[in-house]
Amino acid sequence: MMSTRQSVVAATALTILAASAQGLLPVSASAEASPEASNRPACVYQVTKGNPGVYEKPTRISTLLKRKRPPAKLDSTYCMRYKNEEEDRWYVSVDIKKAQDDIGWIRADRVIRIR
């Protein structure tokens, strides 16, 4: 039986994949490690510039959950990328407890992947 968090994450992933398959949401997800494979995150990002926000959804008009400053490190269990066509910006997923599904989004041009 799935926990509530697992159900929400699975539903979010299915929604993203379905929208991507329909051409509505170009997403690329890394398959380096499944969240169950180990306790460490699949990806780690480091903030490189600015004071970027972590948002509930991959758009700047979404709920701002938190701001990060360099050299903050952010874990990502799923390593998802999303291109917001309206903003012409890429976002990467990061783990954040304040999000409804524990997945937040930060602008990809403000971070570098360090693992």
Protein backbone atom coordinates (compact mmCIF):
# COMPACT_ATOMS: atom_id res chain seq x y z
CA MET A 1 0.00 0.00 0.00
CA MET A 2 1.32 3.43 -0.95
CA SER A 3 1.70 6.23 1.56
CA THR A 4 -0.04 9.55 0.92
CA ARG A 5 3.27 11.15 -0.13
CA GLN A 6 4.03 8.30 -2.53
CA SER A 7 0.53 8.60 -4.01
CA VAL A 8 0.87 12.36 -4.52
CA VAL A 9 4.35 12.00 -6.04
CA ALA A 10 3.18 9.19 -8.32
CA ALA A 11 0.15 11.21 -9.42
CA THR A 12 2.34 14.27 -10.09
CA ALA A 13 4.82 12.20 -12.09
CA LEU A 14 2.01 10.63 -14.12
CA THR A 15 0.48 14.04 -14.84
CA ILE A 16 3.83 15.42 -15.99
CA LEU A 17 4.54 12.37 -18.13
CA ALA A 18 1.06 12.41 -19.67
CA ALA A 19 1.32 16.11 -20.50
CA SER A 20 4.80 15.55 -21.90
CA ALA A 21 3.57 12.66 -24.08
CA GLN A 22 0.89 14.96 -25.49
CA GLY A 23 3.51 17.59 -26.30
CA LEU A 24 2.13 20.00 -23.73
CA LEU A 25 4.99 19.76 -21.31
CA PRO A 26 8.49 18.99 -22.57
CA VAL A 27 10.18 17.28 -19.62
CA SER A 28 13.34 15.25 -19.36
CA ALA A 29 13.89 13.12 -16.28
CA SER A 30 17.11 11.43 -15.34
CA ALA A 31 16.95 7.71 -14.68
CA GLU A 32 20.16 7.60 -12.69
CA ALA A 33 18.63 6.30 -9.49
CA SER A 34 15.20 5.52 -8.21
CA PRO A 35 14.24 7.05 -4.86
CA GLU A 36 13.94 3.57 -3.35
CA ALA A 37 17.45 2.57 -4.52
CA SER A 38 19.22 4.43 -1.74
CA ASN A 39 18.74 7.05 0.93
CA ARG A 40 20.85 9.62 -0.88
CA PRO A 41 19.32 11.95 -3.45
CA ALA A 42 19.73 11.15 -7.13
CA CYS A 43 20.89 14.72 -7.87
CA VAL A 44 22.38 17.57 -5.88
CA TYR A 45 22.33 21.15 -7.15
CA GLN A 46 24.23 24.17 -5.86
CA VAL A 47 22.93 27.73 -6.13
CA THR A 48 25.43 29.75 -8.14
CA LYS A 49 23.95 33.23 -8.46
CA GLY A 50 21.18 35.50 -7.37
CA ASN A 51 18.60 34.74 -4.74
CA PRO A 52 16.39 32.29 -6.67
CA GLY A 53 13.04 31.16 -5.43
CA VAL A 54 11.85 27.60 -5.00
CA TYR A 55 8.29 27.40 -6.31
CA GLU A 56 5.38 24.97 -5.88
CA LYS A 57 5.14 24.59 -9.67
CA PRO A 58 7.70 25.35 -12.41
CA THR A 59 6.62 28.95 -12.96
CA ARG A 60 7.41 32.26 -11.28
CA ILE A 61 3.71 32.99 -10.80
CA SER A 62 3.34 29.89 -8.61
CA THR A 63 3.54 29.97 -4.82
CA LEU A 64 7.02 30.97 -3.64
CA LEU A 65 8.05 28.40 -1.03
CA LYS A 66 11.54 29.59 -0.15
CA ARG A 67 14.49 31.64 -1.39
CA LYS A 68 18.01 30.23 -1.60
CA ARG A 69 21.38 31.98 -1.64
CA PRO A 70 24.75 30.82 -2.96
CA PRO A 71 26.32 28.39 -2.08
CA ALA A 72 23.19 26.56 -0.83
CA LYS A 73 22.90 22.91 -1.84
CA LEU A 74 19.57 21.37 -2.86
CA ASP A 75 18.77 17.67 -3.07
CA SER A 76 16.59 16.24 -5.80
CA THR A 77 15.12 12.76 -5.51
CA TYR A 78 13.69 12.73 -9.05
CA CYS A 79 16.08 14.93 -11.12
CA MET A 80 13.27 16.26 -13.32
CA ARG A 81 13.68 19.18 -15.75
CA TYR A 82 10.84 21.23 -17.15
CA LYS A 83 10.81 23.95 -19.79
CA ASN A 84 8.20 26.60 -19.16
CA GLU A 85 7.42 27.69 -22.70
CA GLU A 86 5.63 30.90 -21.64
CA GLU A 87 8.65 32.10 -19.63
CA ASP A 88 11.18 30.46 -21.99
CA ARG A 89 12.99 29.09 -18.91
CA TRP A 90 14.07 25.69 -17.68
CA TYR A 91 13.35 24.58 -14.11
CA VAL A 92 14.74 21.64 -12.12
CA SER A 93 12.94 19.76 -9.38
CA VAL A 94 14.26 19.89 -5.82
CA ASP A 95 13.13 18.32 -2.57
CA ILE A 96 11.33 20.71 -0.24
CA LYS A 97 8.97 19.80 2.58
CA LYS A 98 6.90 22.99 2.17
CA ALA A 99 5.56 21.79 -1.19
CA GLN A 100 2.31 19.82 -1.29
CA ASP A 101 4.05 16.89 -2.97
CA ASP A 102 7.51 17.58 -1.43
CA ILE A 103 8.75 18.65 -4.87
CA GLY A 104 9.70 22.25 -5.54
CA TRP A 105 11.03 23.89 -8.70
CA ILE A 106 13.96 26.29 -9.11
CA ARG A 107 15.29 28.03 -12.23
CA ALA A 108 17.94 25.88 -13.86
CA ASP A 109 20.08 28.89 -14.83
CA ARG A 110 20.59 29.71 -11.14
CA VAL A 111 22.01 26.33 -10.13
CA ILE A 112 24.62 23.82 -11.24
CA ARG A 113 24.41 20.09 -10.79
CA ILE A 114 27.21 18.85 -8.54
CA ARG A 115 26.03 15.20 -8.29
